[in-house]
Protein backbone atom coordinates (compact mmCIF):
# COMPACT_ATOMS: atom_id res chain seq x y z
CA MET A 1 -39.09 -115.30 22.54
CA ASP A 2 -35.51 -117.28 23.12
CA GLY A 3 -32.97 -115.17 24.98
CA ALA A 4 -30.24 -115.19 22.68
CA PRO A 5 -26.33 -116.18 24.77
CA PRO A 6 -19.02 -118.04 28.14
CA PRO A 7 -16.41 -120.07 28.11
CA PRO A 8 -12.65 -123.11 31.32
CA GLU A 9 -10.56 -125.03 30.28
CA ASN A 10 -11.87 -128.36 29.10
CA SER A 11 -13.13 -128.90 25.27
CA LEU A 12 -15.83 -129.66 23.90
CA ALA A 13 -14.45 -133.07 22.97
CA GLU A 14 -14.18 -134.03 26.79
CA SER A 15 -17.46 -134.70 28.41
CA PRO A 16 -18.36 -132.57 31.56
CA PRO A 17 -19.95 -132.66 34.90
CA ALA A 18 -23.40 -132.83 34.38
CA LYS A 19 -23.83 -130.00 36.86
CA THR A 20 -20.95 -127.42 35.63
CA THR A 21 -22.81 -125.14 33.38
CA GLY A 22 -22.68 -122.30 30.10
CA THR A 23 -21.02 -121.70 26.56
CA ALA A 24 -18.11 -120.33 28.93
CA SER A 25 -16.66 -124.11 29.14
CA MET A 26 -17.00 -125.12 25.28
CA GLU A 27 -13.98 -124.40 23.91
CA ALA A 28 -13.91 -126.47 21.06
CA LYS A 29 -11.71 -126.18 17.62
CA SER A 30 -12.89 -125.60 14.65
CA THR A 31 -11.26 -125.66 10.96
CA ASP A 32 -13.09 -122.86 8.64
CA ASP A 33 -14.32 -123.78 4.90
CA SER A 34 -11.31 -122.54 3.29
CA GLY A 35 -9.38 -124.33 5.51
CA ARG A 36 -7.07 -121.49 6.74
CA GLY A 37 -6.60 -122.53 10.18
CA HIS A 38 -8.52 -123.12 13.28
CA ALA A 39 -10.92 -121.18 15.22
CA SER A 40 -11.86 -121.21 19.24
CA VAL A 41 -15.30 -121.08 20.38
CA LYS A 42 -13.64 -118.98 23.51
CA SER A 43 -12.42 -116.73 20.85
CA ALA A 44 -15.29 -116.14 18.90
CA ALA A 45 -17.31 -115.90 21.88
CA LEU A 46 -15.58 -112.78 22.85
CA TRP A 47 -16.07 -111.70 19.85
CA ALA A 48 -19.41 -112.13 19.33
CA ALA A 49 -19.95 -110.56 22.69
CA GLY A 50 -17.95 -107.33 22.09
CA SER A 51 -20.27 -107.13 18.70
CA GLN A 52 -23.25 -107.25 20.76
CA TYR A 53 -22.03 -104.93 23.64
CA SER A 54 -20.94 -102.34 20.76
CA GLN A 55 -24.43 -102.16 19.01
CA PHE A 56 -26.03 -102.42 22.89
CA VAL A 57 -24.22 -99.23 23.49
CA LEU A 58 -25.08 -97.65 20.51
CA GLN A 59 -28.73 -98.48 20.00
CA PHE A 60 -29.45 -97.66 23.99
CA VAL A 61 -27.61 -94.40 23.31
CA THR A 62 -29.32 -93.40 20.42
CA SER A 63 -32.55 -94.89 21.96
CA VAL A 64 -32.18 -92.99 24.83
CA ILE A 65 -31.66 -89.91 23.22
CA ILE A 66 -34.13 -89.60 20.41
CA SER A 67 -36.57 -90.29 22.90
CA ARG A 68 -35.62 -88.14 25.94
CA PHE A 69 -35.00 -84.81 23.27
CA PHE A 70 -36.66 -85.52 19.97
CA LEU A 71 -39.47 -88.14 19.34
CA LYS A 72 -42.46 -88.87 21.58
CA PRO A 73 -44.40 -91.90 22.56
CA GLU A 74 -46.59 -91.52 19.18
CA GLU A 75 -43.76 -91.27 17.24
CA ILE A 76 -42.30 -93.81 18.31
CA GLY A 77 -45.37 -96.14 18.42
CA LEU A 78 -45.97 -95.17 14.75
CA PHE A 79 -42.56 -96.34 13.23
CA SER A 80 -43.01 -99.28 15.93
CA VAL A 81 -45.75 -100.42 14.31
CA ALA A 82 -44.55 -99.96 11.04
CA LEU A 83 -41.62 -102.05 11.64
CA ALA A 84 -43.89 -104.84 12.82
CA ALA A 85 -46.00 -104.83 10.10
CA ALA A 86 -42.61 -105.03 7.60
CA MET A 87 -40.98 -107.86 9.81
CA ILE A 88 -43.90 -110.43 9.84
CA LEU A 89 -43.50 -110.25 6.30
CA SER A 90 -39.40 -110.11 6.23
CA ILE A 91 -39.43 -113.93 7.15
CA ILE A 92 -38.59 -114.70 3.22
CA GLN A 93 -35.28 -111.87 3.74
CA ASP A 94 -33.14 -114.65 5.00
CA PHE A 95 -35.19 -117.83 3.86
CA GLY A 96 -33.09 -119.85 5.64
CA LEU A 97 -29.82 -119.25 3.25
CA THR A 98 -28.00 -118.39 7.27
CA ARG A 99 -28.47 -121.81 8.13
CA TYR A 100 -28.13 -123.60 4.75
CA LEU A 101 -24.40 -122.33 4.43
CA GLY A 102 -23.71 -123.54 8.15
CA ARG A 103 -24.79 -126.99 7.16
CA HIS A 104 -23.91 -127.14 3.98
CA PRO A 105 -20.64 -129.46 3.83
CA THR A 106 -17.99 -126.88 1.67
CA ALA A 107 -20.14 -123.95 0.62
CA ASP A 108 -18.16 -124.25 -2.22
CA GLU A 109 -18.32 -120.97 -4.71
CA GLU A 110 -21.35 -121.93 -6.91
CA THR A 111 -22.80 -122.95 -4.08
CA VAL A 112 -22.50 -118.93 -2.24
CA ARG A 113 -23.31 -118.14 -5.92
CA HIS A 114 -26.72 -119.76 -6.07
CA CYS A 115 -27.49 -118.51 -2.14
CA THR A 116 -26.86 -114.60 -3.22
CA VAL A 117 -29.11 -114.60 -7.03
CA ILE A 118 -31.84 -116.43 -4.41
CA ALA A 119 -31.35 -113.50 -1.89
CA VAL A 120 -30.94 -110.86 -4.29
CA ALA A 121 -34.39 -112.31 -5.70
CA PHE A 122 -36.36 -112.66 -2.60
CA SER A 123 -35.32 -109.11 -1.34
CA PHE A 124 -37.42 -107.72 -4.49
CA VAL A 125 -40.27 -110.12 -3.56
CA LEU A 126 -40.42 -108.89 0.13
CA ALA A 127 -40.05 -105.21 -1.28
CA ALA A 128 -43.01 -105.73 -3.29
CA LEU A 129 -44.99 -107.45 -0.27
CA ILE A 130 -44.44 -104.68 2.01
CA MET A 131 -46.03 -101.66 -0.35
CA ALA A 132 -48.56 -103.94 -1.05
CA VAL A 133 -49.63 -103.76 2.63
CA ALA A 134 -48.33 -100.36 3.06
CA TRP A 135 -51.78 -98.73 2.03
CA PRO A 136 -54.12 -101.31 3.60
CA VAL A 137 -51.96 -101.03 6.83
CA ALA A 138 -51.91 -97.20 6.46
CA LEU A 139 -55.84 -97.45 6.38
CA PHE A 140 -56.12 -99.62 8.88
CA TYR A 141 -54.64 -97.37 11.64
CA SER A 142 -55.70 -94.05 10.40
CA GLU A 143 -52.34 -93.23 10.26
CA PRO A 144 -51.22 -91.71 6.02
CA ARG A 145 -47.98 -91.29 6.82
CA LEU A 146 -47.21 -95.63 7.75
CA PHE A 147 -47.07 -95.14 3.73
CA GLY A 148 -44.12 -93.40 3.73
CA ILE A 149 -42.17 -95.40 6.19
CA LEU A 150 -43.21 -98.99 5.14
CA GLY A 151 -41.74 -97.68 1.61
CA LEU A 152 -38.43 -96.59 3.38
CA ILE A 153 -38.35 -100.11 5.08
CA ALA A 154 -39.02 -101.80 1.58
CA ALA A 155 -36.27 -100.16 0.38
CA SER A 156 -33.45 -100.99 3.16
CA TYR A 157 -34.51 -104.53 2.58
CA LEU A 158 -33.59 -104.34 -1.09
CA ILE A 159 -29.84 -103.30 0.02
CA ASN A 160 -29.82 -106.24 2.72
CA PRO A 161 -29.09 -109.79 0.38
CA TRP A 162 -25.67 -108.40 -0.04
CA SER A 163 -24.57 -108.96 3.73
CA ILE A 164 -26.86 -111.47 4.32
CA VAL A 165 -24.66 -114.23 2.56
CA PRO A 166 -21.21 -112.94 3.52
CA VAL A 167 -22.39 -112.40 7.46
CA ALA A 168 -23.39 -115.89 6.83
CA LEU A 169 -20.26 -117.17 5.63
CA LEU A 170 -17.96 -115.33 8.28
CA SER A 171 -19.88 -117.10 11.07
CA ARG A 172 -19.87 -120.86 9.57
CA ARG A 173 -15.67 -120.43 9.66
CA LEU A 174 -16.48 -118.23 13.17
CA ASP A 175 -14.67 -115.44 11.50
CA PHE A 176 -16.54 -113.44 14.02
CA ARG A 177 -13.96 -110.55 13.88
CA GLY A 178 -15.83 -109.97 10.58
CA THR A 179 -19.15 -109.86 11.61
CA PHE A 180 -17.95 -107.63 14.92
CA LEU A 181 -16.86 -105.61 12.08
CA VAL A 182 -20.03 -105.39 9.81
CA ASN A 183 -22.20 -105.20 12.71
CA SER A 184 -20.75 -102.81 14.59
CA SER A 185 -20.17 -100.33 11.66
CA GLY A 186 -23.68 -100.99 10.36
CA ALA A 187 -24.91 -99.74 14.00
CA LEU A 188 -22.72 -96.87 13.87
CA ALA A 189 -24.19 -95.61 10.77
CA ASN A 190 -27.72 -96.52 12.00
CA SER A 191 -27.26 -94.43 14.85
CA SER A 192 -25.50 -91.20 13.72
CA CYS A 193 -28.67 -91.14 10.48
CA ALA A 194 -31.34 -91.42 12.94
CA LEU A 195 -29.81 -88.66 15.88
CA THR A 196 -28.96 -86.16 12.76
CA LEU A 197 -31.71 -86.57 11.05
CA ALA A 198 -34.47 -86.75 14.38
CA ALA A 199 -32.52 -83.56 15.08
CA LEU A 200 -33.29 -81.68 12.04
CA GLY A 201 -36.71 -83.01 12.62
CA PHE A 202 -37.85 -85.79 10.77
CA SER A 203 -39.89 -87.55 13.12
CA ALA A 204 -40.33 -90.91 12.78
CA GLU A 205 -39.36 -91.13 9.28
CA SER A 206 -35.51 -90.64 10.53
CA LEU A 207 -35.68 -94.23 12.03
CA ALA A 208 -36.75 -95.34 8.27
CA TRP A 209 -33.62 -93.76 6.95
CA ALA A 210 -31.63 -95.42 9.39
CA MET A 211 -32.80 -98.52 9.06
CA ILE A 212 -31.52 -97.84 5.00
CA ALA A 213 -27.87 -96.26 6.21
CA GLN A 214 -27.36 -99.51 8.40
CA ALA A 215 -28.14 -101.67 5.47
CA ALA A 216 -25.96 -100.24 2.73
CA THR A 217 -23.27 -100.23 5.14
CA ARG A 218 -23.43 -103.38 6.59
CA ALA A 219 -23.72 -104.59 2.61
CA ALA A 220 -20.69 -102.41 1.96
CA ILE A 221 -18.39 -103.87 4.75
CA ALA A 222 -19.81 -107.33 4.31
CA GLN A 223 -18.45 -107.35 0.09
CA TRP A 224 -15.26 -105.85 1.17
CA LEU A 225 -14.71 -108.76 3.57
CA HIS A 226 -16.30 -111.72 1.43
CA PRO A 227 -16.92 -110.82 -1.75
CA THR A 228 -20.16 -112.27 -3.29
CA PRO A 229 -20.50 -110.78 -6.97
CA LEU A 230 -23.76 -111.99 -8.24
CA SER A 231 -23.75 -114.11 -11.45
CA LEU A 232 -26.88 -115.14 -13.39
CA ARG A 233 -25.08 -118.75 -14.28
CA ILE A 234 -27.26 -121.25 -12.15
CA GLN A 235 -29.30 -124.65 -12.55
CA LEU A 236 -32.52 -124.88 -11.52
CA ASP A 237 -32.15 -128.33 -9.33
CA ARG A 238 -29.33 -126.35 -7.07
CA THR A 239 -31.93 -123.38 -7.21
CA ARG A 240 -34.56 -125.69 -6.27
CA GLU A 241 -32.87 -127.56 -3.29
CA ILE A 242 -31.75 -124.02 -1.59
CA VAL A 243 -35.61 -122.74 -1.90
CA GLY A 244 -36.40 -126.53 -0.74
CA PHE A 245 -34.64 -125.84 2.20
CA GLY A 246 -35.86 -122.48 3.32
CA SER A 247 -39.65 -122.99 2.30
CA SER A 248 -39.55 -125.99 5.11
CA SER A 249 -39.23 -124.13 7.29
CA ALA A 250 -40.61 -120.74 6.07
CA LEU A 251 -44.28 -121.40 7.80
CA LEU A 252 -42.23 -121.82 11.23
CA TYR A 253 -40.69 -118.36 10.71
CA LEU A 254 -43.76 -117.16 9.79
CA SER A 255 -45.17 -118.07 12.65
CA GLY A 256 -42.87 -116.69 15.08
CA GLY A 257 -42.55 -113.65 13.71
CA ILE A 258 -46.40 -113.03 13.96
CA GLY A 259 -45.95 -114.27 17.35
CA MET A 260 -42.95 -111.89 17.93
CA ARG A 261 -44.19 -108.95 15.75
CA THR A 262 -48.03 -108.60 16.64
CA PRO A 263 -48.01 -107.14 20.03
CA ASP A 264 -46.81 -103.93 18.65
CA LEU A 265 -49.71 -104.08 16.04
CA ILE A 266 -52.11 -105.18 18.65
CA VAL A 267 -51.30 -102.46 21.57
CA GLY A 268 -51.57 -99.61 18.52
CA ARG A 269 -54.69 -100.64 17.41
CA LEU A 270 -56.40 -101.21 20.49
CA GLN A 271 -54.86 -98.47 22.39
CA GLY A 272 -53.07 -95.95 20.19
CA MET A 273 -49.94 -94.74 18.83
CA ASN A 274 -48.94 -93.25 22.18
CA ALA A 275 -49.49 -96.84 24.05
CA ALA A 276 -47.99 -98.41 20.88
CA GLY A 277 -44.84 -96.23 21.84
CA LEU A 278 -44.53 -96.66 25.64
CA TYR A 279 -45.03 -100.52 25.20
CA SER A 280 -42.68 -100.48 22.44
CA ARG A 281 -40.06 -98.65 24.65
CA GLY A 282 -40.11 -100.96 27.59
CA VAL A 283 -40.01 -104.28 25.95
CA ALA A 284 -37.27 -102.64 23.88
CA LEU A 285 -35.64 -101.72 27.16
CA ALA A 286 -35.95 -105.31 28.53
CA SER A 287 -35.00 -107.15 25.59
CA GLN A 288 -31.95 -104.92 25.42
CA LEU A 289 -30.48 -105.70 28.66
CA HIS A 290 -31.05 -109.10 28.07
CA TYR A 291 -29.30 -109.40 25.20
CA LEU A 292 -26.66 -107.47 26.58
CA VAL A 293 -26.25 -109.68 29.83
CA ALA A 294 -26.73 -112.91 27.87
CA GLY A 295 -27.45 -112.88 24.36
CA ALA A 296 -23.89 -111.70 23.22
CA VAL A 297 -22.72 -115.27 22.14
CA GLY A 298 -26.06 -116.72 20.89
CA ALA A 299 -24.31 -116.82 17.14
CA ILE A 300 -21.84 -119.90 18.35
CA TYR A 301 -24.51 -121.97 19.95
CA TYR A 302 -25.75 -123.57 16.81
CA PRO A 303 -22.16 -124.85 15.24
CA THR A 304 -21.37 -125.68 18.66
CA PHE A 305 -24.45 -128.24 18.99
CA ALA A 306 -23.79 -129.12 15.73
CA ARG A 307 -20.46 -129.97 16.31
CA LEU A 308 -21.52 -131.71 19.32
CA ARG A 309 -24.16 -134.04 17.34
CA ASP A 310 -21.81 -135.04 15.03
CA GLU A 311 -19.42 -136.35 17.40
CA HIS A 312 -22.44 -138.34 18.93
CA LYS A 313 -22.13 -136.97 22.63
CA ASP A 314 -24.77 -136.03 25.22
CA LEU A 315 -26.72 -133.01 24.79
CA GLY A 316 -28.34 -132.38 27.64
CA PRO A 317 -25.62 -131.52 29.90
CA TYR A 318 -24.58 -129.44 27.64
CA TYR A 319 -27.61 -127.73 27.53
CA GLU A 320 -27.98 -127.90 31.31
CA ARG A 321 -24.98 -125.43 31.47
CA VAL A 322 -26.38 -123.15 29.19
CA VAL A 323 -29.18 -122.59 31.21
CA ALA A 324 -27.45 -121.83 34.06
CA ALA A 325 -25.27 -119.65 32.30
CA HIS A 326 -28.70 -117.72 31.20
CA GLY A 327 -30.35 -117.90 34.85
CA VAL A 328 -27.43 -116.87 36.88
CA ILE A 329 -27.04 -113.69 34.38
CA VAL A 330 -30.69 -113.35 33.41
CA TRP A 331 -33.08 -113.59 35.97
CA PRO A 332 -31.39 -111.47 38.24
CA ALA A 333 -30.47 -108.77 35.73
CA MET A 334 -34.43 -108.95 34.94
CA ALA A 335 -35.87 -109.29 39.10
CA LEU A 336 -33.07 -105.71 39.31
CA LEU A 337 -34.94 -103.90 36.16
CA ALA A 338 -38.47 -104.62 37.64
CA VAL A 339 -37.76 -103.48 40.80
CA LEU A 340 -35.71 -100.52 39.34
CA SER A 341 -38.15 -99.89 36.66
CA GLU A 342 -39.61 -96.30 37.36
CA PRO A 343 -36.16 -94.92 38.26
CA VAL A 344 -34.67 -96.21 35.06
CA ILE A 345 -37.53 -94.98 32.69
CA LEU A 346 -37.17 -91.51 34.66
CA LEU A 347 -33.50 -91.41 33.99
CA LEU A 348 -33.42 -91.94 30.89
CA TYR A 349 -36.30 -91.04 29.15
CA GLY A 350 -37.65 -88.59 31.41
CA PRO A 351 -41.21 -87.73 33.15
CA GLY A 352 -42.76 -88.08 29.25
CA TRP A 353 -42.19 -91.94 29.54
CA ALA A 354 -43.01 -92.30 33.04
CA GLU A 355 -46.51 -94.74 32.13
CA ALA A 356 -43.53 -96.94 30.55
CA ALA A 357 -42.38 -97.99 34.03
CA PRO A 358 -44.89 -100.28 34.92
CA LEU A 359 -44.85 -102.07 31.77
CA LEU A 360 -40.98 -102.21 31.71
CA ALA A 361 -40.90 -104.07 34.78
CA PHE A 362 -43.97 -106.91 33.65
CA VAL A 363 -42.15 -107.58 30.18
CA ALA A 364 -38.45 -108.06 32.29
CA LEU A 365 -40.10 -110.56 34.97
CA ALA A 366 -41.81 -112.56 31.88
CA GLU A 367 -38.19 -112.69 30.21
CA CYS A 368 -37.25 -114.68 33.08
CA CYS A 369 -39.43 -117.54 31.29
CA PHE A 370 -38.19 -117.44 28.24
CA VAL A 371 -34.84 -117.85 28.71
CA ALA A 372 -35.58 -121.35 31.28
CA LEU A 373 -35.34 -123.32 28.00
CA PRO A 374 -32.83 -121.43 25.58
CA LEU A 375 -32.56 -122.68 22.12
CA HIS A 376 -36.15 -123.99 21.96
CA MET A 377 -36.19 -122.91 18.04
CA ASP A 378 -32.67 -123.82 17.53
CA LEU A 379 -31.44 -127.52 18.47
CA PRO A 380 -35.52 -129.17 17.20
CA ILE A 381 -34.21 -127.81 13.64
CA LEU A 382 -30.69 -128.53 13.86
CA LEU A 383 -32.12 -132.21 14.88
CA GLY A 384 -34.53 -132.53 12.43
CA GLN A 385 -37.23 -132.09 14.48
CA LEU A 386 -39.25 -129.01 12.10
CA LYS A 387 -42.29 -130.64 11.30
CA LYS A 388 -43.14 -131.02 15.06
CA LEU A 389 -41.31 -127.77 16.15
CA LEU A 390 -43.93 -125.97 13.69
CA TYR A 391 -46.99 -127.72 15.77
CA PHE A 392 -45.19 -126.78 18.72
CA ASN A 393 -44.59 -122.53 17.39
CA LEU A 394 -48.07 -122.37 16.32
CA ALA A 395 -49.43 -123.31 19.52
CA ASP A 396 -46.93 -120.75 21.23
CA THR A 397 -48.10 -117.88 18.29
CA ALA A 398 -52.00 -118.93 19.19
CA LEU A 399 -51.06 -118.23 23.25
CA SER A 400 -48.93 -114.82 22.56
CA VAL A 401 -51.66 -113.21 20.52
CA THR A 402 -54.51 -114.62 22.13
CA THR A 403 -52.91 -113.55 25.72
CA LEU A 404 -51.86 -110.44 24.35
CA ILE A 405 -55.29 -109.36 22.88
CA ALA A 406 -57.03 -110.15 26.18
CA GLY A 407 -54.99 -107.91 27.99
CA ALA A 408 -54.85 -105.24 25.27
CA THR A 409 -58.44 -104.95 25.36
CA ILE A 410 -58.45 -104.01 29.39
CA GLY A 411 -55.57 -101.49 29.04
CA ILE A 412 -51.87 -101.10 28.13
CA GLU A 413 -50.41 -102.62 32.09
CA ALA A 414 -52.29 -105.21 31.33
CA ALA A 415 -51.48 -106.01 28.17
CA ALA A 416 -47.74 -105.77 29.43
CA ALA A 417 -48.54 -108.36 32.32
CA SER A 418 -50.65 -110.76 29.80
CA ARG A 419 -46.76 -111.48 28.82
CA ILE A 420 -45.89 -112.93 32.24
CA VAL A 421 -49.41 -115.22 32.30
CA TYR A 422 -47.62 -116.04 28.10
CA GLY A 423 -44.58 -116.90 29.44
CA VAL A 424 -45.76 -119.15 31.70
CA GLY A 425 -47.43 -121.17 29.37
CA TRP A 426 -44.81 -121.09 26.95
CA PHE A 427 -42.41 -122.84 29.39
CA CYS A 428 -45.28 -125.35 30.38
CA LEU A 429 -45.73 -125.75 26.51
CA TYR A 430 -42.25 -126.45 25.66
CA ALA A 431 -40.27 -127.95 28.62
CA PHE A 432 -41.44 -132.07 28.40
CA TRP A 433 -40.44 -131.82 24.77
CA MET A 434 -37.31 -130.16 24.83
CA ARG A 435 -36.67 -132.51 28.32
CA ASP A 436 -37.22 -135.57 25.43
CA LEU A 437 -35.11 -133.96 22.48
CA VAL A 438 -32.33 -133.11 24.44
CA GLY A 439 -32.17 -135.41 27.44
CA PHE A 440 -31.68 -132.96 30.30
CA SER A 441 -32.23 -133.79 33.68
CA TRP A 442 -35.07 -132.36 35.71
CA ARG A 443 -33.12 -132.64 39.38
CA THR A 444 -30.07 -130.92 37.72
CA MET A 445 -32.56 -128.34 35.54
CA LEU A 446 -34.96 -128.04 39.32
CA ARG A 447 -31.10 -127.51 40.91
CA ILE A 448 -30.60 -124.98 38.51
CA TYR A 449 -33.80 -122.67 38.62
CA SER A 450 -33.74 -122.97 42.33
CA ALA A 451 -30.08 -121.58 42.74
CA SER A 452 -31.05 -118.98 40.04
CA LEU A 453 -34.07 -117.37 41.62
CA GLY A 454 -32.10 -117.51 45.08
CA VAL A 455 -29.47 -115.53 43.02
CA ALA A 456 -32.15 -113.31 41.70
CA LEU A 457 -33.56 -112.74 45.56
CA ILE A 458 -30.53 -111.45 47.02
CA THR A 459 -29.56 -109.00 43.99
CA ILE A 460 -32.75 -107.25 44.28
CA LEU A 461 -32.20 -106.65 48.11
CA PRO A 462 -30.20 -103.53 48.03
CA ALA A 463 -32.85 -102.34 45.50
CA LEU A 464 -35.86 -103.00 47.20
CA TYR A 465 -34.27 -101.01 50.53
CA ALA A 466 -33.54 -98.27 48.02
CA VAL A 467 -36.98 -98.05 46.97
CA MET A 468 -39.02 -98.65 49.38
CA MET A 469 -37.29 -97.21 52.21
CA TRP A 470 -34.23 -95.43 51.65
CA ARG A 471 -35.72 -93.04 48.88
CA SER A 472 -38.91 -93.73 46.46
CA PRO A 473 -38.70 -94.99 43.39
CA ALA A 474 -39.25 -91.01 41.84
CA THR A 475 -36.97 -89.32 43.93
CA LEU A 476 -34.38 -91.68 43.87
CA GLY A 477 -31.30 -89.63 41.81
CA PHE A 478 -28.63 -90.64 39.50
CA ILE A 479 -25.84 -91.00 42.10
CA ASP A 480 -28.40 -92.75 44.58
CA PHE A 481 -29.09 -95.08 41.66
CA VAL A 482 -25.92 -96.00 40.46
CA LEU A 483 -24.86 -96.87 44.31
CA THR A 484 -27.58 -98.89 44.43
CA ALA A 485 -27.27 -100.73 41.68
CA ALA A 486 -22.89 -101.28 42.45
CA VAL A 487 -24.39 -102.82 45.86
CA SER A 488 -27.26 -104.71 44.02
CA GLY A 489 -24.06 -106.10 41.90
CA MET A 490 -22.08 -107.19 44.55
CA ALA A 491 -24.77 -109.04 46.47
CA TRP A 492 -25.07 -110.84 43.04
CA LEU A 493 -21.54 -111.90 43.38
CA GLY A 494 -21.96 -112.88 46.66
CA ALA A 495 -24.95 -114.54 45.82
CA VAL A 496 -23.48 -116.44 43.08
CA PHE A 497 -20.65 -118.27 45.67
CA LEU A 498 -22.92 -118.10 49.01
CA LEU A 499 -25.42 -120.60 47.02
CA ARG A 500 -22.76 -122.57 44.71
CA HIS A 501 -24.80 -121.29 41.61
CA PRO A 502 -23.99 -124.24 38.62
CA ALA A 503 -22.66 -121.49 36.87
CA ARG A 504 -19.43 -119.91 38.86
CA GLU A 505 -16.81 -122.16 37.26
CA ASP A 506 -18.18 -121.50 34.38
CA LEU A 507 -17.90 -117.29 35.39
CA VAL A 508 -14.68 -117.65 37.00
CA GLY A 509 -13.18 -119.15 33.89
CA MET A 510 -14.55 -116.43 31.35
CA ALA A 511 -13.30 -113.70 33.84
CA LEU A 512 -9.45 -115.71 33.98
CA HIS A 513 -9.60 -116.01 30.49
CA VAL A 514 -10.48 -112.15 29.30
CA LEU A 515 -7.87 -110.88 32.42
CA ARG A 516 -5.06 -113.74 31.09
CA PRO A 517 -3.75 -110.90 28.33
CA VAL A 518 -3.44 -108.15 30.82
CA ARG A 519 -1.72 -110.84 33.20
CA GLU A 520 0.80 -111.63 30.39
CA ARG A 521 1.01 -107.76 29.49
CA LEU A 522 2.29 -107.17 33.15
CA LYS A 523 4.73 -110.42 33.01
CA LEU A 524 6.26 -108.74 30.05
CA HIS A 525 6.44 -105.31 31.63
CA PHE A 526 8.07 -106.71 34.73
CA ALA A 527 10.28 -109.26 33.48
């Protein structure tokens, strides 16, 4: 469960101070595979952020409207269980192709052709596997509708290959303007289809049809930007090489998929579809906010650290900066979400979802553990530690499933609370290995953690006053909520500078970079 992921003036070629933070300061230049110039990591980060934020807005608004007006918790739970079952198998959809293309020296036409054939072939295998388990899953949960929903999800996976390879090539050359167009168009198609069909009474199936609409739109836009026509002119040795690369990490992704996707399956089985819907909505809201505030530029991490590795740079200082960038944003955001969980749920989804509030609070706090050690999968893969990573990931998955089963056996709130226990165990599991792997300084990390905790505590003070003394969680209306959030935001900004958080320089640097075009336009206007 890695938090997925901004940038002053020094470049990656320069050695930053060990106590500075954030990918916000990473401004290297990279020549794309076609030799058509250079793209700055800073610009890529901004386009990636735009993609993430546009998708977030669409997904967030869609989930609020659907949950508040059209679908009940048990209907959301039904789709969540079907999607979780399918996504455990979906590890073979990409099958390492994105990383293979990302690390290939040239990504020439022959390589792209072979990757496209493999992607299409594995999509048929995946669809067949999903249909093979569809009826057993429906019987296991005593929900016949799961069979049809899984069938629709399987159809969407047949379309996905036509966007996988083009998007990988766009990412390879840091063309996040192109990936923005692909991702945003797909998200718009998903939202439009889901809202329309849900309003027409298609229930949980509307969400499955929306996946097909999204896959088709992404494929069409991706092929328009970077065509990858299918050809059967393939060589067995090249095919074996590519498949071998993917199969070396297949067990790793299967283990990770089980750890990430089984919660809905476990909660649905032990507590029912209504509980699964409540749990899914709480987890989704925490995850959406997490990726909104820190996950936007995660796609630039792998190529950025790959370049650092190739230049034989010390990864420790850069990793510390990434940790600080996460901590200064995600920790306060998650703490604030936990304090305001009940008014957030009531304002967004209505009283019918009130039971999701404590679940949201527990899951939000657990997210703080997972962002304390970002890139726990990407960096070991990049540094050739795949086998050892697999062992750690298997232990990670066992811990996740065991704690969740123990909690879900007791009740839905205990299931959510188990995520905090899992998060603490997860951190202890990976911490010392990541230290040996990356070479960060524990003294610096502890300073970052303490500063992030201090910022989080100061940030939530206005919210605690609002729900404990000024109002109650149930009576905090929309205007009161906005005011509370605004004051908490000002408290966060003040805390960043008051406590001299290591990420403050990067935050200022990114803000100045974003505002630079505005300043230049004003200069031209008044010149």
